[in-house]
Each structure stands twice: as C-alpha cells, then as structure tokens.
Amino acid sequence: MTLALSVRDLTLDYGDLKVLKGVTFDVAAGEVLCVIGPSGSGKSTLLRCVAYLEDHFGGAIRVDGELLGRRERGGKVVPVRGAALRKVQGKVGMVFQHFNLWPHMSALRNVMEPLTVVKRMDREAARALAMENLAKVGVADKADAYPPRLSGGQQQRVAIARALAMQPRVMLFDEATSSLDPELVNEVLGVMRQLAEEGMTMLVVTHEMEFAKKVADRVIFMDGGVIAEEGPPAQLFDHPREARTRAFLSLIDHDLAGDPA
C-alpha cells in the first residue's frame, strides 16, 4: 500500500486551548477518507494543518513520504521555509467552505493565476490547463464570468477546478457544501464523487452523512480533538463501537427526521 498522507501524533494548542491531541492516521493513494464529528472537534483545524495553513503544530505530517514544514537534520527536526516547503505544500490542494475566489477575476483567471504565479507556467499553457479543469467540473461555459455572477455551486466548482489544476497529490475538502443552498449541494457532491471514482486521494471534512456512507473508503469520527473511532462506513454508521459515536449519529438522525424538507 502506497501512502499519500501520513499524520503522526498531531497536536495543536491555542494558548491553554488544546485543539488537537495526538491525532494519528494514514491515507492510502486513491483512498477517500471522510472526517465527521461535532462542531469544535478539531476537524477543520486538522485540514488546516495538512494544508500547512497552521504551522505551529506538534507531531509529523508526511505527504508522499516527505515531511511537511519540517526537515530531519542531525537527528533533530527543524522547520523549513522557501522552496523546500512549497515543494511539499504544493502536493496538497484545499477547497474551503466559502470558495475564496478573487471577485475581480473571471473564473478562468481564478484558475490560471496560481499556475502562472506559483508554478510559473506560461500563459497559454496555464489557460489550456485551466480550461481543461473547468470543463472537468462542468463550468467551462462560465470561464469568462466573474464570481459575483455565478451561483454558489458554480463558484465552488471553480474553486475545485483551481485546486485540481495545481495537480495535487491529496485533495482536502473542508465542508465544501456547507455554504450552499440545498438545491446546489448535489452538483458539488457530484463533482466530488466523480473525483473519487477517478482515484483522487481525498481527505473530506463533511456533514453530508450520505456522501460519507456511499463514497468514503473509511470514516473518522473526531470528538474533543481526538479520533474517537474510525472504520469502514458500514461499520461506523451501522455498528458504531463507541458511545460518543452512537450519540452523535443518533442526534444527526434525529435532526434529519425532523427536517421538513
């Protein structure tokens, strides 16, 4: 089994607040790992560490076997910056809750810009790759449109195209549908399902339980900054071992049953 991502004893504190408390897991190449749990359990912080948007964590994160933000030197682990950091960080793509598109740039420019600035691709090559990825997520016809003129689902698909164009080893999704109107959720989940079917390695924080049940290879349940339980979807959703997992899932089921929609 080839590991795309390995996280070992990951810790992160904000002063006296311990957000992550020794999180350890692996993601194999081509695997889809979904992370579920209550608000404040550390799910999004975990993704921010893997994307190196948080750099003061303890423990180790390896992408394709390479340490993220650290280097082993003389028996010690020391921070790295510059090109050495960007090389590993560039293997991780992230899709956020709130799209984070540049409103003054067209959809095409939003996808092209990181290619020309970060990867230093020439504009024609960047344009071709950007259009290829906009087509992949079904918004090639919106290439010249600006974000304010796009629906939330279209904006999120542009954001996915932007991340994909950088050709990451691992794709991170942080509640990618939570800011969307209900009728737009399925179009984004459809793109994510397509990526999973094509073998993209994905680490997905989600509240979409049906997506996790049907698409994930494994599911992690986080609570209080730790992994309380993990396993295949059928085991975790249908036969959870831990009382805390059972309580969370029963609350989710109750909420869904009470939803008039």
C-alpha atoms as a PDB file:
ATOM      1  CA  MET A   1       0.000   0.000   0.000  1.00  0.00           C
ATOM      2  CA  THR A   2       1.378   3.390  -1.040  1.00  0.00           C
ATOM      3  CA  LEU A   3       0.687   6.144   1.470  1.00  0.00           C
ATOM      4  CA  ALA A   4      -0.227   9.543   0.064  1.00  0.00           C
ATOM      5  CA  LEU A   5      -0.613  11.099   3.516  1.00  0.00           C
ATOM      6  CA  SER A   6       0.637  10.097   6.952  1.00  0.00           C
ATOM      7  CA  VAL A   7      -0.195  12.009  10.133  1.00  0.00           C
ATOM      8  CA  ARG A   8       1.520  11.071  13.393  1.00  0.00           C
ATOM      9  CA  ASP A   9       0.737  12.367  16.885  1.00  0.00           C
ATOM     10  CA  LEU A  10      -0.541  15.696  15.578  1.00  0.00           C
ATOM     11  CA  THR A  11      -1.084  18.261  18.326  1.00  0.00           C
ATOM     12  CA  LEU A  12      -2.039  21.921  18.219  1.00  0.00           C
ATOM     13  CA  ASP A  13      -2.713  24.366  21.037  1.00  0.00           C
ATOM     14  CA  TYR A  14      -4.021  27.908  21.080  1.00  0.00           C
ATOM     15  CA  GLY A  15      -2.654  29.001  24.433  1.00  0.00           C
ATOM     16  CA  ASP A  16      -4.413  26.894  27.042  1.00  0.00           C
ATOM     17  CA  LEU A  17      -6.875  25.510  24.497  1.00  0.00           C
ATOM     18  CA  LYS A  18      -5.796  22.112  23.186  1.00  0.00           C
ATOM     19  CA  VAL A  19      -7.428  21.709  19.784  1.00  0.00           C
ATOM     20  CA  LEU A  20      -5.695  18.554  18.529  1.00  0.00           C
ATOM     21  CA  LYS A  21      -4.458  15.962  21.000  1.00  0.00           C
ATOM     22  CA  GLY A  22      -2.289  13.384  19.297  1.00  0.00           C
ATOM     23  CA  VAL A  23      -4.136  12.620  16.060  1.00  0.00           C
ATOM     24  CA  THR A  24      -2.680   9.735  14.035  1.00  0.00           C
ATOM     25  CA  PHE A  25      -3.919   8.244  10.751  1.00  0.00           C
ATOM     26  CA  ASP A  26      -2.865   7.355   7.203  1.00  0.00           C
ATOM     27  CA  VAL A  27      -4.492   7.876   3.828  1.00  0.00           C
ATOM     28  CA  ALA A  28      -3.522   5.464   1.061  1.00  0.00           C
ATOM     29  CA  ALA A  29      -3.114   6.647  -2.519  1.00  0.00           C
ATOM     30  CA  GLY A  30      -6.536   6.703  -4.142  1.00  0.00           C
ATOM     31  CA  GLU A  31      -8.387   6.437  -0.836  1.00  0.00           C
ATOM     32  CA  VAL A  32     -11.273   8.662   0.252  1.00  0.00           C
ATOM     33  CA  LEU A  33     -11.228   9.342   3.993  1.00  0.00           C
ATOM     34  CA  CYS A  34     -14.154  11.300   5.445  1.00  0.00           C
ATOM     35  CA  VAL A  35     -13.940  13.067   8.793  1.00  0.00           C
ATOM     36  CA  ILE A  36     -17.144  13.663  10.736  1.00  0.00           C
ATOM     37  CA  GLY A  37     -17.890  14.973  14.210  1.00  0.00           C
ATOM     38  CA  PRO A  38     -19.472  17.810  16.160  1.00  0.00           C
ATOM     39  CA  SER A  39     -18.509  21.468  15.786  1.00  0.00           C
ATOM     40  CA  GLY A  40     -15.329  22.273  17.671  1.00  0.00           C
ATOM     41  CA  SER A  41     -13.961  18.739  17.491  1.00  0.00           C
ATOM     42  CA  GLY A  42     -10.857  19.815  15.552  1.00  0.00           C
ATOM     43  CA  LYS A  43     -11.869  18.636  12.070  1.00  0.00           C
ATOM     44  CA  SER A  44     -11.183  21.850  10.166  1.00  0.00           C
ATOM     45  CA  THR A  45      -8.052  22.546  12.180  1.00  0.00           C
ATOM     46  CA  LEU A  46      -6.768  19.129  11.155  1.00  0.00           C
ATOM     47  CA  LEU A  47      -7.209  20.040   7.487  1.00  0.00           C
ATOM     48  CA  ARG A  48      -5.561  23.422   8.001  1.00  0.00           C
ATOM     49  CA  CYS A  49      -2.508  21.658   9.438  1.00  0.00           C
ATOM     50  CA  VAL A  50      -2.322  19.242   6.499  1.00  0.00           C
ATOM     51  CA  ALA A  51      -2.549  22.229   4.115  1.00  0.00           C
ATOM     52  CA  TYR A  52       0.103  23.987   6.234  1.00  0.00           C
ATOM     53  CA  LEU A  53      -2.173  26.921   6.923  1.00  0.00           C
ATOM     54  CA  GLU A  54      -1.300  26.240  10.563  1.00  0.00           C
ATOM     55  CA  ASP A  55       2.436  25.848  11.067  1.00  0.00           C
ATOM     56  CA  HIS A  56       2.869  25.601  14.838  1.00  0.00           C
ATOM     57  CA  PHE A  57       1.606  22.057  15.232  1.00  0.00           C
ATOM     58  CA  GLY A  58       3.436  19.270  17.014  1.00  0.00           C
ATOM     59  CA  GLY A  59       3.950  15.798  15.596  1.00  0.00           C
ATOM     60  CA  ALA A  60       4.620  14.980  11.940  1.00  0.00           C
ATOM     61  CA  ILE A  61       2.771  15.188   8.642  1.00  0.00           C
ATOM     62  CA  ARG A  62       4.194  13.444   5.590  1.00  0.00           C
ATOM     63  CA  VAL A  63       2.941  13.855   2.038  1.00  0.00           C
ATOM     64  CA  ASP A  64       4.302  11.199  -0.329  1.00  0.00           C
ATOM     65  CA  GLY A  65       6.778  10.316   2.393  1.00  0.00           C
ATOM     66  CA  GLU A  66       8.151  13.865   2.688  1.00  0.00           C
ATOM     67  CA  LEU A  67       7.847  15.840   5.910  1.00  0.00           C
ATOM     68  CA  LEU A  68       5.611  18.888   5.649  1.00  0.00           C
ATOM     69  CA  GLY A  69       7.195  22.075   7.002  1.00  0.00           C
ATOM     70  CA  ARG A  70       9.972  20.172   8.738  1.00  0.00           C
ATOM     71  CA  ARG A  71      13.318  18.575   7.914  1.00  0.00           C
ATOM     72  CA  GLU A  72      15.347  15.943   9.740  1.00  0.00           C
ATOM     73  CA  ARG A  73      18.860  17.202  10.270  1.00  0.00           C
ATOM     74  CA  GLY A  74      21.481  15.668  12.554  1.00  0.00           C
ATOM     75  CA  GLY A  75      18.921  13.641  14.440  1.00  0.00           C
ATOM     76  CA  LYS A  76      16.717  16.704  15.002  1.00  0.00           C
ATOM     77  CA  VAL A  77      13.620  18.004  13.269  1.00  0.00           C
ATOM     78  CA  VAL A  78      13.934  21.643  12.195  1.00  0.00           C
ATOM     79  CA  PRO A  79      11.499  23.956  10.326  1.00  0.00           C
ATOM     80  CA  VAL A  80      11.906  24.564   6.601  1.00  0.00           C
ATOM     81  CA  ARG A  81      10.790  27.516   4.525  1.00  0.00           C
ATOM     82  CA  GLY A  82      11.005  28.680   0.936  1.00  0.00           C
ATOM     83  CA  ALA A  83      11.228  26.262  -1.994  1.00  0.00           C
ATOM     84  CA  ALA A  84      11.599  23.168   0.194  1.00  0.00           C
ATOM     85  CA  LEU A  85       8.304  23.961   1.949  1.00  0.00           C
ATOM     86  CA  ARG A  86       6.481  24.918  -1.254  1.00  0.00           C
ATOM     87  CA  LYS A  87       7.518  21.651  -2.906  1.00  0.00           C
ATOM     88  CA  VAL A  88       5.676  19.547  -0.305  1.00  0.00           C
ATOM     89  CA  GLN A  89       2.883  22.043   0.333  1.00  0.00           C
ATOM     90  CA  GLY A  90       2.165  22.094  -3.404  1.00  0.00           C
ATOM     91  CA  LYS A  91       1.215  18.422  -3.247  1.00  0.00           C
ATOM     92  CA  VAL A  92      -1.871  19.340  -1.216  1.00  0.00           C
ATOM     93  CA  GLY A  93      -4.921  21.087  -2.686  1.00  0.00           C
ATOM     94  CA  MET A  94      -7.669  22.528  -0.490  1.00  0.00           C
ATOM     95  CA  VAL A  95     -11.269  23.511  -1.133  1.00  0.00           C
ATOM     96  CA  PHE A  96     -12.788  25.757   1.534  1.00  0.00           C
ATOM     97  CA  GLN A  97     -16.326  26.392   2.764  1.00  0.00           C
ATOM     98  CA  HIS A  98     -16.527  29.910   1.345  1.00  0.00           C
ATOM     99  CA  PHE A  99     -14.991  29.447  -2.141  1.00  0.00           C
ATOM    100  CA  ASN A 100     -12.236  32.091  -1.623  1.00  0.00           C
ATOM    101  CA  LEU A 101     -12.334  33.163  -5.265  1.00  0.00           C
ATOM    102  CA  TRP A 102     -10.919  36.514  -6.334  1.00  0.00           C
ATOM    103  CA  PRO A 103     -14.024  38.585  -7.192  1.00  0.00           C
ATOM    104  CA  HIS A 104     -12.177  40.876  -9.617  1.00  0.00           C
ATOM    105  CA  MET A 105     -11.001  37.948 -11.780  1.00  0.00           C
ATOM    106  CA  SER A 106     -13.016  35.778 -14.146  1.00  0.00           C
ATOM    107  CA  ALA A 107     -13.454  32.082 -13.419  1.00  0.00           C
ATOM    108  CA  LEU A 108     -10.698  31.360 -15.944  1.00  0.00           C
ATOM    109  CA  ARG A 109      -8.311  33.847 -14.347  1.00  0.00           C
ATOM    110  CA  ASN A 110      -9.062  32.424 -10.895  1.00  0.00           C
ATOM    111  CA  VAL A 111      -7.810  29.041 -12.081  1.00  0.00           C
ATOM    112  CA  MET A 112      -4.927  30.412 -14.160  1.00  0.00           C
ATOM    113  CA  GLU A 113      -3.454  32.760 -11.566  1.00  0.00           C
ATOM    114  CA  PRO A 114      -1.866  30.144  -9.243  1.00  0.00           C
ATOM    115  CA  LEU A 115      -0.476  28.333 -12.282  1.00  0.00           C
ATOM    116  CA  THR A 116       1.291  31.434 -13.598  1.00  0.00           C
ATOM    117  CA  VAL A 117       2.359  32.849 -10.221  1.00  0.00           C
ATOM    118  CA  VAL A 118       3.175  29.727  -8.189  1.00  0.00           C
ATOM    119  CA  LYS A 119       4.093  27.223 -10.902  1.00  0.00           C
ATOM    120  CA  ARG A 120       5.383  29.926 -13.278  1.00  0.00           C
ATOM    121  CA  MET A 121       3.653  28.362 -16.275  1.00  0.00           C
ATOM    122  CA  ASP A 122       3.430  30.412 -19.442  1.00  0.00           C
ATOM    123  CA  ARG A 123       0.009  31.922 -20.007  1.00  0.00           C
ATOM    124  CA  GLU A 124      -1.043  29.729 -22.927  1.00  0.00           C
ATOM    125  CA  ALA A 125      -0.208  26.503 -21.093  1.00  0.00           C
ATOM    126  CA  ALA A 126      -1.927  27.825 -17.970  1.00  0.00           C
ATOM    127  CA  ARG A 127      -5.020  28.790 -19.981  1.00  0.00           C
ATOM    128  CA  ALA A 128      -5.238  25.331 -21.560  1.00  0.00           C
ATOM    129  CA  LEU A 129      -4.876  23.561 -18.202  1.00  0.00           C
ATOM    130  CA  ALA A 130      -7.374  25.927 -16.568  1.00  0.00           C
ATOM    131  CA  MET A 131      -9.966  25.305 -19.292  1.00  0.00           C
ATOM    132  CA  GLU A 132      -9.409  21.556 -19.029  1.00  0.00           C
ATOM    133  CA  ASN A 133     -10.184  21.638 -15.321  1.00  0.00           C
ATOM    134  CA  LEU A 134     -13.148  23.998 -15.655  1.00  0.00           C
ATOM    135  CA  ALA A 135     -14.563  21.523 -18.175  1.00  0.00           C
ATOM    136  CA  LYS A 136     -13.874  18.652 -15.786  1.00  0.00           C
ATOM    137  CA  VAL A 137     -16.123  20.205 -13.138  1.00  0.00           C
ATOM    138  CA  GLY A 138     -18.763  21.306 -15.645  1.00  0.00           C
ATOM    139  CA  VAL A 139     -18.289  25.083 -15.747  1.00  0.00           C
ATOM    140  CA  ALA A 140     -16.241  25.643 -18.903  1.00  0.00           C
ATOM    141  CA  ASP A 141     -19.112  27.759 -20.229  1.00  0.00           C
ATOM    142  CA  LYS A 142     -18.609  30.126 -17.278  1.00  0.00           C
ATOM    143  CA  ALA A 143     -14.922  30.769 -17.971  1.00  0.00           C
ATOM    144  CA  ASP A 144     -15.428  34.480 -18.643  1.00  0.00           C
ATOM    145  CA  ALA A 145     -17.923  35.050 -15.814  1.00  0.00           C
ATOM    146  CA  TYR A 146     -16.922  36.788 -12.594  1.00  0.00           C
ATOM    147  CA  PRO A 147     -17.674  35.163  -9.205  1.00  0.00           C
ATOM    148  CA  PRO A 148     -20.484  37.579  -8.218  1.00  0.00           C
ATOM    149  CA  ARG A 149     -22.372  36.469 -11.355  1.00  0.00           C
ATOM    150  CA  LEU A 150     -22.029  32.748 -10.501  1.00  0.00           C
ATOM    151  CA  SER A 151     -24.230  30.654  -8.242  1.00  0.00           C
ATOM    152  CA  GLY A 152     -22.698  29.252  -5.077  1.00  0.00           C
ATOM    153  CA  GLY A 153     -22.446  25.815  -6.647  1.00  0.00           C
ATOM    154  CA  GLN A 154     -20.702  27.222  -9.706  1.00  0.00           C
ATOM    155  CA  GLN A 155     -18.277  29.192  -7.542  1.00  0.00           C
ATOM    156  CA  GLN A 156     -17.412  26.088  -5.546  1.00  0.00           C
ATOM    157  CA  ARG A 157     -16.832  24.118  -8.745  1.00  0.00           C
ATOM    158  CA  VAL A 158     -14.464  26.851  -9.947  1.00  0.00           C
ATOM    159  CA  ALA A 159     -12.662  26.581  -6.598  1.00  0.00           C
ATOM    160  CA  ILE A 160     -12.345  22.819  -7.093  1.00  0.00           C
ATOM    161  CA  ALA A 161     -11.012  23.380 -10.621  1.00  0.00           C
ATOM    162  CA  ARG A 162      -8.428  25.819  -9.246  1.00  0.00           C
ATOM    163  CA  ALA A 163      -7.206  23.263  -6.711  1.00  0.00           C
ATOM    164  CA  LEU A 164      -7.184  20.432  -9.269  1.00  0.00           C
ATOM    165  CA  ALA A 165      -5.222  22.471 -11.798  1.00  0.00           C
ATOM    166  CA  MET A 166      -2.281  22.532  -9.404  1.00  0.00           C
ATOM    167  CA  GLN A 167      -2.166  18.722  -9.754  1.00  0.00           C
ATOM    168  CA  PRO A 168      -2.069  17.919  -6.043  1.00  0.00           C
ATOM    169  CA  ARG A 169      -1.306  14.513  -4.583  1.00  0.00           C
ATOM    170  CA  VAL A 170      -4.046  14.912  -1.966  1.00  0.00           C
ATOM    171  CA  MET A 171      -7.255  16.959  -2.147  1.00  0.00           C
ATOM    172  CA  LEU A 172      -8.710  18.387   1.060  1.00  0.00           C
ATOM    173  CA  PHE A 173     -12.356  19.430   1.297  1.00  0.00           C
ATOM    174  CA  ASP A 174     -13.455  21.452   4.321  1.00  0.00           C
ATOM    175  CA  GLU A 175     -17.269  21.315   4.495  1.00  0.00           C
ATOM    176  CA  ALA A 176     -17.348  22.162   0.797  1.00  0.00           C
ATOM    177  CA  THR A 177     -21.156  22.231   0.656  1.00  0.00           C
ATOM    178  CA  SER A 178     -21.979  23.972   3.941  1.00  0.00           C
ATOM    179  CA  SER A 179     -22.313  27.443   2.377  1.00  0.00           C
ATOM    180  CA  LEU A 180     -24.570  26.295  -0.444  1.00  0.00           C
ATOM    181  CA  ASP A 181     -28.323  26.450  -0.786  1.00  0.00           C
ATOM    182  CA  PRO A 182     -29.781  22.922  -0.543  1.00  0.00           C
ATOM    183  CA  GLU A 183     -30.597  22.713  -4.248  1.00  0.00           C
ATOM    184  CA  LEU A 184     -26.935  23.405  -5.153  1.00  0.00           C
ATOM    185  CA  VAL A 185     -25.362  20.830  -2.834  1.00  0.00           C
ATOM    186  CA  ASN A 186     -25.740  17.872  -5.189  1.00  0.00           C
ATOM    187  CA  GLU A 187     -23.872  19.497  -8.055  1.00  0.00           C
ATOM    188  CA  VAL A 188     -20.760  19.889  -5.870  1.00  0.00           C
ATOM    189  CA  LEU A 189     -21.121  16.442  -4.311  1.00  0.00           C
ATOM    190  CA  GLY A 190     -21.417  15.056  -7.842  1.00  0.00           C
ATOM    191  CA  VAL A 191     -18.027  16.513  -8.759  1.00  0.00           C
ATOM    192  CA  MET A 192     -16.518  15.069  -5.577  1.00  0.00           C
ATOM    193  CA  ARG A 193     -17.990  11.632  -6.349  1.00  0.00           C
ATOM    194  CA  GLN A 194     -16.511  11.832  -9.843  1.00  0.00           C
ATOM    195  CA  LEU A 195     -13.059  12.624  -8.426  1.00  0.00           C
ATOM    196  CA  ALA A 196     -13.332   9.692  -6.018  1.00  0.00           C
ATOM    197  CA  GLU A 197     -14.270   7.344  -8.879  1.00  0.00           C
ATOM    198  CA  GLU A 198     -11.237   8.564 -10.829  1.00  0.00           C
ATOM    199  CA  GLY A 199      -8.928   7.634  -7.939  1.00  0.00           C
ATOM    200  CA  MET A 200      -8.188  11.041  -6.456  1.00  0.00           C
ATOM    201  CA  THR A 201      -6.840  10.801  -2.911  1.00  0.00           C
ATOM    202  CA  MET A 202      -9.245  12.808  -0.755  1.00  0.00           C
ATOM    203  CA  LEU A 203      -9.498  13.876   2.880  1.00  0.00           C
ATOM    204  CA  VAL A 204     -13.014  15.245   3.347  1.00  0.00           C
ATOM    205  CA  VAL A 205     -14.455  17.003   6.376  1.00  0.00           C
ATOM    206  CA  THR A 206     -18.194  16.816   5.872  1.00  0.00           C
ATOM    207  CA  HIS A 207     -21.608  16.900   7.473  1.00  0.00           C
ATOM    208  CA  GLU A 208     -23.075  15.118   4.436  1.00  0.00           C
ATOM    209  CA  MET A 209     -23.515  11.695   6.011  1.00  0.00           C
ATOM    210  CA  GLU A 210     -24.959  10.050   2.897  1.00  0.00           C
ATOM    211  CA  PHE A 211     -21.911  11.138   0.917  1.00  0.00           C
ATOM    212  CA  ALA A 212     -19.621   9.658   3.587  1.00  0.00           C
ATOM    213  CA  LYS A 213     -21.617   6.405   3.628  1.00  0.00           C
ATOM    214  CA  LYS A 214     -21.561   5.944  -0.142  1.00  0.00           C
ATOM    215  CA  VAL A 215     -18.219   7.413  -1.230  1.00  0.00           C
ATOM    216  CA  ALA A 216     -15.747   7.060   1.651  1.00  0.00           C
ATOM    217  CA  ASP A 217     -13.435   4.072   1.962  1.00  0.00           C
ATOM    218  CA  ARG A 218     -13.042   4.885   5.650  1.00  0.00           C
ATOM    219  CA  VAL A 219     -14.630   7.318   8.076  1.00  0.00           C
ATOM    220  CA  ILE A 220     -13.074   9.009  11.103  1.00  0.00           C
ATOM    221  CA  PHE A 221     -15.228  10.321  13.923  1.00  0.00           C
ATOM    222  CA  MET A 222     -13.498  13.118  15.832  1.00  0.00           C
ATOM    223  CA  ASP A 223     -14.525  14.447  19.205  1.00  0.00           C
ATOM    224  CA  GLY A 224     -12.648  16.767  21.551  1.00  0.00           C
ATOM    225  CA  GLY A 225      -9.516  16.915  19.417  1.00  0.00           C
ATOM    226  CA  VAL A 226      -9.008  13.147  19.162  1.00  0.00           C
ATOM    227  CA  ILE A 227     -10.078  10.352  16.857  1.00  0.00           C
ATOM    228  CA  ALA A 228     -12.760   8.641  18.905  1.00  0.00           C
ATOM    229  CA  GLU A 229     -13.497   5.957  16.300  1.00  0.00           C
ATOM    230  CA  GLU A 230     -12.634   5.019  12.743  1.00  0.00           C
ATOM    231  CA  GLY A 231     -13.596   2.291  10.326  1.00  0.00           C
ATOM    232  CA  PRO A 232     -15.378   1.450   7.078  1.00  0.00           C
ATOM    233  CA  PRO A 233     -18.645   3.366   6.589  1.00  0.00           C
ATOM    234  CA  ALA A 234     -20.823   0.277   7.108  1.00  0.00           C
ATOM    235  CA  GLN A 235     -19.211  -0.422  10.454  1.00  0.00           C
ATOM    236  CA  LEU A 236     -19.044   3.128  11.769  1.00  0.00           C
ATOM    237  CA  PHE A 237     -22.534   4.198  10.726  1.00  0.00           C
ATOM    238  CA  ASP A 238     -24.409   0.942  11.305  1.00  0.00           C
ATOM    239  CA  HIS A 239     -22.475  -0.612  14.184  1.00  0.00           C
ATOM    240  CA  PRO A 240     -20.506   2.129  15.994  1.00  0.00           C
ATOM    241  CA  ARG A 241     -18.448   0.807  18.889  1.00  0.00           C
ATOM    242  CA  GLU A 242     -18.127   3.969  20.943  1.00  0.00           C
ATOM    243  CA  ALA A 243     -20.955   5.520  22.960  1.00  0.00           C
ATOM    244  CA  ARG A 244     -19.925   9.019  21.831  1.00  0.00           C
ATOM    245  CA  THR A 245     -20.181   7.994  18.169  1.00  0.00           C
ATOM    246  CA  ARG A 246     -23.598   6.483  18.755  1.00  0.00           C
ATOM    247  CA  ALA A 247     -24.804   9.634  20.494  1.00  0.00           C
ATOM    248  CA  PHE A 248     -23.578  11.864  17.652  1.00  0.00           C
ATOM    249  CA  LEU A 249     -25.126   9.724  14.917  1.00  0.00           C
ATOM    250  CA  SER A 250     -28.410   9.459  16.790  1.00  0.00           C
ATOM    251  CA  LEU A 251     -28.513  13.252  17.051  1.00  0.00           C
ATOM    252  CA  ILE A 252     -27.851  13.557  13.312  1.00  0.00           C
ATOM    253  CA  ASP A 253     -30.602  11.035  12.543  1.00  0.00           C
ATOM    254  CA  HIS A 254     -32.999  12.957  14.796  1.00  0.00           C
ATOM    255  CA  ASP A 255     -32.208  16.233  13.049  1.00  0.00           C
ATOM    256  CA  LEU A 256     -32.769  14.673   9.631  1.00  0.00           C
ATOM    257  CA  ALA A 257     -36.034  13.086  10.722  1.00  0.00           C
ATOM    258  CA  GLY A 258     -37.250  16.476  11.956  1.00  0.00           C
ATOM    259  CA  ASP A 259     -36.286  18.315   8.757  1.00  0.00           C
ATOM    260  CA  PRO A 260     -39.490  19.180   6.906  1.00  0.00           C
ATOM    261  CA  ALA A 261     -37.585  19.215   3.629  1.00  0.00           C
END
